[in-house]
Amino acid sequence: MQRAYKVELKPTKEQIQKIKQSLGVCRWLYNAYLAKNQSLYQDFKDGKLDKKKAFMSAYDFDKHINNEVKVLDGYKWINECGSKARKKAICNAELSFKKFFKGEAQFPKFKKKDKSKVGLYFPKNNKTDWKIERHRVNIPTLKWVRLKEFGYIKTHSKVINGTVTEQAGRYYVSIVCEVNETQNNKPKSEPLGI
């Protein structure tokens, strides 16, 4: 069974700077994906593109960023963020477009600094990623970060993935762990009636 935990972090100044830079990169990629698809749709409306090319998928946009944008001198800062976090930001933008097309949500809005929720997604790729101890957690690209609440997450839990977010100058980590369900959900005695 999977269980999610959310705990406040106590990062160092260097870790705060790394988190802010990474959040900025993810926000920029989200907004760039929205802008690219809006311009493609406008070109389609003007008759410059056919219907098949009027929308760019997250996969194609990620290839565009990796092969055409990151190689430019002015965009080397994109590499300062983890690749999985960048990919997840682009996939979230694509998901918001798909929800709009299905009629489940409004048209996607651009994310603004300090006003929109952006998260850094980190899956568990290596054995050294996402180690949990009583008072700290090892997050990919951030290394060991102290926790404000000790012992809330079971030590040596099997982590599946996690997300780092910032809200009002405070930093949080949401971790999805695999836990063994040892309790039987059946009541131990007959329920009492009133």
C-alpha atoms as a PDB file:
ATOM      1  CA  MET A   1       0.000   0.000   0.000  1.00  0.00           C
ATOM      2  CA  GLN A   2       1.234   3.501  -0.770  1.00  0.00           C
ATOM      3  CA  ARG A   3       1.116   6.318   1.744  1.00  0.00           C
ATOM      4  CA  ALA A   4       1.951  10.005   1.324  1.00  0.00           C
ATOM      5  CA  TYR A   5       3.660  12.196   3.914  1.00  0.00           C
ATOM      6  CA  LYS A   6       4.146  15.957   3.867  1.00  0.00           C
ATOM      7  CA  VAL A   7       6.810  17.448   6.115  1.00  0.00           C
ATOM      8  CA  GLU A   8       8.328  20.906   6.423  1.00  0.00           C
ATOM      9  CA  LEU A   9      12.009  21.158   5.537  1.00  0.00           C
ATOM     10  CA  LYS A  10      14.755  23.158   7.207  1.00  0.00           C
ATOM     11  CA  PRO A  11      17.155  23.754   4.276  1.00  0.00           C
ATOM     12  CA  THR A  12      20.476  25.589   4.367  1.00  0.00           C
ATOM     13  CA  LYS A  13      21.001  28.849   2.449  1.00  0.00           C
ATOM     14  CA  GLU A  14      22.677  26.983  -0.427  1.00  0.00           C
ATOM     15  CA  GLN A  15      19.793  24.508  -0.601  1.00  0.00           C
ATOM     16  CA  ILE A  16      17.243  27.353  -0.571  1.00  0.00           C
ATOM     17  CA  GLN A  17      19.059  28.983  -3.496  1.00  0.00           C
ATOM     18  CA  LYS A  18      19.076  25.652  -5.401  1.00  0.00           C
ATOM     19  CA  ILE A  19      15.357  25.125  -4.706  1.00  0.00           C
ATOM     20  CA  LYS A  20      14.473  28.655  -5.870  1.00  0.00           C
ATOM     21  CA  GLN A  21      16.554  28.289  -9.053  1.00  0.00           C
ATOM     22  CA  SER A  22      14.959  24.937  -9.845  1.00  0.00           C
ATOM     23  CA  LEU A  23      11.446  26.247  -9.179  1.00  0.00           C
ATOM     24  CA  GLY A  24      12.197  29.171 -11.513  1.00  0.00           C
ATOM     25  CA  VAL A  25      13.351  26.821 -14.276  1.00  0.00           C
ATOM     26  CA  CYS A  26      10.226  24.663 -13.915  1.00  0.00           C
ATOM     27  CA  ARG A  27       7.966  27.735 -13.952  1.00  0.00           C
ATOM     28  CA  TRP A  28       9.749  29.059 -17.060  1.00  0.00           C
ATOM     29  CA  LEU A  29       9.366  25.705 -18.867  1.00  0.00           C
ATOM     30  CA  TYR A  30       5.665  25.512 -17.960  1.00  0.00           C
ATOM     31  CA  ASN A  31       5.083  29.025 -19.311  1.00  0.00           C
ATOM     32  CA  ALA A  32       7.234  28.399 -22.409  1.00  0.00           C
ATOM     33  CA  TYR A  33       5.184  25.289 -23.231  1.00  0.00           C
ATOM     34  CA  LEU A  34       1.925  27.260 -22.921  1.00  0.00           C
ATOM     35  CA  ALA A  35       3.305  30.083 -25.076  1.00  0.00           C
ATOM     36  CA  LYS A  36       4.563  27.661 -27.749  1.00  0.00           C
ATOM     37  CA  ASN A  37       1.193  25.933 -28.054  1.00  0.00           C
ATOM     38  CA  GLN A  38      -0.651  29.243 -28.105  1.00  0.00           C
ATOM     39  CA  SER A  39       1.548  30.455 -30.974  1.00  0.00           C
ATOM     40  CA  LEU A  40       1.064  27.151 -32.848  1.00  0.00           C
ATOM     41  CA  TYR A  41      -2.696  27.449 -32.445  1.00  0.00           C
ATOM     42  CA  GLN A  42      -2.613  31.061 -33.667  1.00  0.00           C
ATOM     43  CA  ASP A  43      -0.624  29.950 -36.746  1.00  0.00           C
ATOM     44  CA  PHE A  44      -3.232  27.229 -37.343  1.00  0.00           C
ATOM     45  CA  LYS A  45      -6.045  29.794 -37.127  1.00  0.00           C
ATOM     46  CA  ASP A  46      -4.184  32.022 -39.603  1.00  0.00           C
ATOM     47  CA  GLY A  47      -3.866  29.089 -42.021  1.00  0.00           C
ATOM     48  CA  LYS A  48      -0.093  28.701 -41.737  1.00  0.00           C
ATOM     49  CA  LEU A  49      -0.230  25.183 -40.192  1.00  0.00           C
ATOM     50  CA  ASP A  50      -2.366  22.110 -40.679  1.00  0.00           C
ATOM     51  CA  LYS A  51      -4.383  20.627 -37.803  1.00  0.00           C
ATOM     52  CA  LYS A  52      -1.820  17.931 -36.944  1.00  0.00           C
ATOM     53  CA  LYS A  53       0.897  20.507 -36.228  1.00  0.00           C
ATOM     54  CA  ALA A  54      -1.313  22.875 -34.217  1.00  0.00           C
ATOM     55  CA  PHE A  55      -0.382  21.233 -30.884  1.00  0.00           C
ATOM     56  CA  MET A  56       3.032  20.165 -29.565  1.00  0.00           C
ATOM     57  CA  SER A  57       3.160  17.282 -27.088  1.00  0.00           C
ATOM     58  CA  ALA A  58       5.244  17.405 -23.914  1.00  0.00           C
ATOM     59  CA  TYR A  59       7.612  14.810 -25.362  1.00  0.00           C
ATOM     60  CA  ASP A  60       8.232  16.884 -28.506  1.00  0.00           C
ATOM     61  CA  PHE A  61       8.637  20.089 -26.491  1.00  0.00           C
ATOM     62  CA  ASP A  62      11.180  18.388 -24.216  1.00  0.00           C
ATOM     63  CA  LYS A  63      13.163  17.300 -27.288  1.00  0.00           C
ATOM     64  CA  HIS A  64      12.914  20.873 -28.625  1.00  0.00           C
ATOM     65  CA  ILE A  65      14.277  22.283 -25.339  1.00  0.00           C
ATOM     66  CA  ASN A  66      17.097  19.701 -25.098  1.00  0.00           C
ATOM     67  CA  ASN A  67      18.240  19.889 -28.728  1.00  0.00           C
ATOM     68  CA  GLU A  68      17.555  23.487 -29.760  1.00  0.00           C
ATOM     69  CA  VAL A  69      17.254  25.739 -26.706  1.00  0.00           C
ATOM     70  CA  LYS A  70      19.672  24.395 -24.074  1.00  0.00           C
ATOM     71  CA  VAL A  71      22.565  24.411 -26.530  1.00  0.00           C
ATOM     72  CA  LEU A  72      22.329  28.208 -26.844  1.00  0.00           C
ATOM     73  CA  ASP A  73      24.666  30.238 -24.613  1.00  0.00           C
ATOM     74  CA  GLY A  74      21.870  32.261 -23.019  1.00  0.00           C
ATOM     75  CA  TYR A  75      19.962  29.173 -21.835  1.00  0.00           C
ATOM     76  CA  LYS A  76      22.640  27.117 -20.063  1.00  0.00           C
ATOM     77  CA  TRP A  77      20.850  27.826 -16.752  1.00  0.00           C
ATOM     78  CA  ILE A  78      18.162  25.276 -17.677  1.00  0.00           C
ATOM     79  CA  ASN A  79      20.637  22.511 -16.751  1.00  0.00           C
ATOM     80  CA  GLU A  80      20.729  23.743 -13.131  1.00  0.00           C
ATOM     81  CA  CYS A  81      17.421  21.953 -12.517  1.00  0.00           C
ATOM     82  CA  GLY A  82      17.033  18.172 -12.446  1.00  0.00           C
ATOM     83  CA  SER A  83      15.887  16.589 -15.702  1.00  0.00           C
ATOM     84  CA  LYS A  84      12.941  14.735 -14.111  1.00  0.00           C
ATOM     85  CA  ALA A  85      11.652  17.927 -12.483  1.00  0.00           C
ATOM     86  CA  ARG A  86      11.861  19.732 -15.836  1.00  0.00           C
ATOM     87  CA  LYS A  87      10.045  16.914 -17.637  1.00  0.00           C
ATOM     88  CA  LYS A  88       7.295  16.811 -14.985  1.00  0.00           C
ATOM     89  CA  ALA A  89       6.703  20.571 -15.319  1.00  0.00           C
ATOM     90  CA  ILE A  90       6.210  20.180 -19.071  1.00  0.00           C
ATOM     91  CA  CYS A  91       3.922  17.149 -18.566  1.00  0.00           C
ATOM     92  CA  ASN A  92       1.839  19.160 -16.070  1.00  0.00           C
ATOM     93  CA  ALA A  93       1.398  21.881 -18.687  1.00  0.00           C
ATOM     94  CA  GLU A  94       0.307  19.305 -21.261  1.00  0.00           C
ATOM     95  CA  LEU A  95      -2.139  17.811 -18.759  1.00  0.00           C
ATOM     96  CA  SER A  96      -3.677  21.248 -18.141  1.00  0.00           C
ATOM     97  CA  PHE A  97      -4.206  21.655 -21.905  1.00  0.00           C
ATOM     98  CA  LYS A  98      -5.802  18.199 -22.171  1.00  0.00           C
ATOM     99  CA  LYS A  99      -8.166  18.969 -19.289  1.00  0.00           C
ATOM    100  CA  PHE A 100      -9.142  22.190 -21.052  1.00  0.00           C
ATOM    101  CA  PHE A 101      -9.828  20.354 -24.315  1.00  0.00           C
ATOM    102  CA  LYS A 102     -12.036  17.837 -22.473  1.00  0.00           C
ATOM    103  CA  GLY A 103     -13.984  20.661 -20.811  1.00  0.00           C
ATOM    104  CA  GLU A 104     -12.839  19.694 -17.301  1.00  0.00           C
ATOM    105  CA  ALA A 105     -10.921  22.925 -16.575  1.00  0.00           C
ATOM    106  CA  GLN A 106     -10.447  26.498 -17.719  1.00  0.00           C
ATOM    107  CA  PHE A 107      -7.814  27.549 -20.223  1.00  0.00           C
ATOM    108  CA  PRO A 108      -4.327  27.101 -18.672  1.00  0.00           C
ATOM    109  CA  LYS A 109      -2.861  30.224 -17.131  1.00  0.00           C
ATOM    110  CA  PHE A 110       0.759  31.275 -16.990  1.00  0.00           C
ATOM    111  CA  LYS A 111       2.452  30.730 -13.633  1.00  0.00           C
ATOM    112  CA  LYS A 112       3.628  33.861 -11.840  1.00  0.00           C
ATOM    113  CA  LYS A 113       6.493  34.070  -9.402  1.00  0.00           C
ATOM    114  CA  ASP A 114       5.363  33.814  -5.750  1.00  0.00           C
ATOM    115  CA  LYS A 115       1.697  33.514  -6.805  1.00  0.00           C
ATOM    116  CA  SER A 116       1.515  30.063  -8.382  1.00  0.00           C
ATOM    117  CA  LYS A 117       2.250  26.653  -6.937  1.00  0.00           C
ATOM    118  CA  VAL A 118       5.180  24.956  -8.647  1.00  0.00           C
ATOM    119  CA  GLY A 119       6.762  21.739  -7.409  1.00  0.00           C
ATOM    120  CA  LEU A 120      10.035  19.939  -8.015  1.00  0.00           C
ATOM    121  CA  TYR A 121       9.327  16.296  -8.791  1.00  0.00           C
ATOM    122  CA  PHE A 122      11.988  13.704  -7.987  1.00  0.00           C
ATOM    123  CA  PRO A 123      11.432   9.987  -8.669  1.00  0.00           C
ATOM    124  CA  LYS A 124      13.630   7.373  -7.042  1.00  0.00           C
ATOM    125  CA  ASN A 125      16.164   6.420  -9.711  1.00  0.00           C
ATOM    126  CA  ASN A 126      19.155   5.253  -7.684  1.00  0.00           C
ATOM    127  CA  LYS A 127      19.661   3.466  -4.388  1.00  0.00           C
ATOM    128  CA  THR A 128      21.225   6.614  -2.942  1.00  0.00           C
ATOM    129  CA  ASP A 129      18.163   8.768  -3.741  1.00  0.00           C
ATOM    130  CA  TRP A 130      15.506   9.351  -1.102  1.00  0.00           C
ATOM    131  CA  LYS A 131      17.097   7.921   1.999  1.00  0.00           C
ATOM    132  CA  ILE A 132      15.162   8.769   5.132  1.00  0.00           C
ATOM    133  CA  GLU A 133      16.602   9.129   8.599  1.00  0.00           C
ATOM    134  CA  ARG A 134      14.935  10.359  11.783  1.00  0.00           C
ATOM    135  CA  HIS A 135      15.854  14.011  11.330  1.00  0.00           C
ATOM    136  CA  ARG A 136      16.822  14.349   7.654  1.00  0.00           C
ATOM    137  CA  VAL A 137      16.051  13.158   4.129  1.00  0.00           C
ATOM    138  CA  ASN A 138      18.339  12.695   1.114  1.00  0.00           C
ATOM    139  CA  ILE A 139      16.653  14.397  -1.856  1.00  0.00           C
ATOM    140  CA  PRO A 140      18.185  14.047  -5.355  1.00  0.00           C
ATOM    141  CA  THR A 141      20.185  17.163  -6.393  1.00  0.00           C
ATOM    142  CA  LEU A 142      19.685  18.728  -2.914  1.00  0.00           C
ATOM    143  CA  LYS A 143      21.445  15.971  -0.907  1.00  0.00           C
ATOM    144  CA  TRP A 144      20.700  15.750   2.845  1.00  0.00           C
ATOM    145  CA  VAL A 145      18.051  18.218   4.021  1.00  0.00           C
ATOM    146  CA  ARG A 146      16.968  18.543   7.647  1.00  0.00           C
ATOM    147  CA  LEU A 147      13.344  17.955   8.623  1.00  0.00           C
ATOM    148  CA  LYS A 148      11.489  20.208  11.066  1.00  0.00           C
ATOM    149  CA  GLU A 149       9.395  17.327  12.425  1.00  0.00           C
ATOM    150  CA  PHE A 150      11.471  14.387  13.613  1.00  0.00           C
ATOM    151  CA  GLY A 151      10.232  10.833  13.312  1.00  0.00           C
ATOM    152  CA  TYR A 152       7.074  11.625  11.336  1.00  0.00           C
ATOM    153  CA  ILE A 153       8.206   9.495   8.399  1.00  0.00           C
ATOM    154  CA  LYS A 154       9.365   5.988   9.279  1.00  0.00           C
ATOM    155  CA  THR A 155      13.110   5.645   8.851  1.00  0.00           C
ATOM    156  CA  HIS A 156      14.365   3.511   5.987  1.00  0.00           C
ATOM    157  CA  SER A 157      10.949   3.632   4.269  1.00  0.00           C
ATOM    158  CA  LYS A 158      10.814   2.548   0.632  1.00  0.00           C
ATOM    159  CA  VAL A 159      10.255   5.825  -1.223  1.00  0.00           C
ATOM    160  CA  ILE A 160       8.604   5.839  -4.651  1.00  0.00           C
ATOM    161  CA  ASN A 161       8.826   9.566  -5.438  1.00  0.00           C
ATOM    162  CA  GLY A 162       8.627  12.995  -3.876  1.00  0.00           C
ATOM    163  CA  THR A 163       7.926  16.646  -4.571  1.00  0.00           C
ATOM    164  CA  VAL A 164       9.512  19.748  -3.040  1.00  0.00           C
ATOM    165  CA  THR A 165       7.327  22.857  -2.873  1.00  0.00           C
ATOM    166  CA  GLU A 166       7.570  26.368  -1.436  1.00  0.00           C
ATOM    167  CA  GLN A 167       4.706  28.225   0.243  1.00  0.00           C
ATOM    168  CA  ALA A 168       5.055  31.611   1.942  1.00  0.00           C
ATOM    169  CA  GLY A 169       8.814  31.271   2.387  1.00  0.00           C
ATOM    170  CA  ARG A 170       8.556  27.780   3.886  1.00  0.00           C
ATOM    171  CA  TYR A 171       9.693  24.621   2.135  1.00  0.00           C
ATOM    172  CA  TYR A 172       7.874  21.295   2.190  1.00  0.00           C
ATOM    173  CA  VAL A 173       8.526  17.811   0.882  1.00  0.00           C
ATOM    174  CA  SER A 174       5.723  15.418  -0.062  1.00  0.00           C
ATOM    175  CA  ILE A 175       6.928  11.829  -0.147  1.00  0.00           C
ATOM    176  CA  VAL A 176       5.067   8.751  -1.422  1.00  0.00           C
ATOM    177  CA  CYS A 177       6.240   5.603   0.397  1.00  0.00           C
ATOM    178  CA  GLU A 178       5.453   1.924   0.083  1.00  0.00           C
ATOM    179  CA  VAL A 179       4.225   0.636   3.459  1.00  0.00           C
ATOM    180  CA  ASN A 180       3.236  -2.823   4.572  1.00  0.00           C
ATOM    181  CA  GLU A 181      -0.313  -3.018   5.854  1.00  0.00           C
ATOM    182  CA  THR A 182       0.022  -5.124   8.987  1.00  0.00           C
ATOM    183  CA  GLN A 183      -3.227  -4.166  10.639  1.00  0.00           C
ATOM    184  CA  ASN A 184      -6.386  -6.047   9.862  1.00  0.00           C
ATOM    185  CA  ASN A 185      -9.143  -3.588   9.021  1.00  0.00           C
ATOM    186  CA  LYS A 186     -11.820  -5.728  10.669  1.00  0.00           C
ATOM    187  CA  PRO A 187     -13.100  -4.523  14.048  1.00  0.00           C
ATOM    188  CA  LYS A 188     -11.831  -6.539  17.009  1.00  0.00           C
ATOM    189  CA  SER A 189     -15.204  -6.624  18.754  1.00  0.00           C
ATOM    190  CA  GLU A 190     -18.853  -6.156  17.969  1.00  0.00           C
ATOM    191  CA  PRO A 191     -19.867  -2.519  17.444  1.00  0.00           C
ATOM    192  CA  LEU A 192     -21.992  -0.936  20.114  1.00  0.00           C
ATOM    193  CA  GLY A 193     -25.388   0.487  19.218  1.00  0.00           C
ATOM    194  CA  ILE A 194     -27.184   3.311  20.919  1.00  0.00           C
END
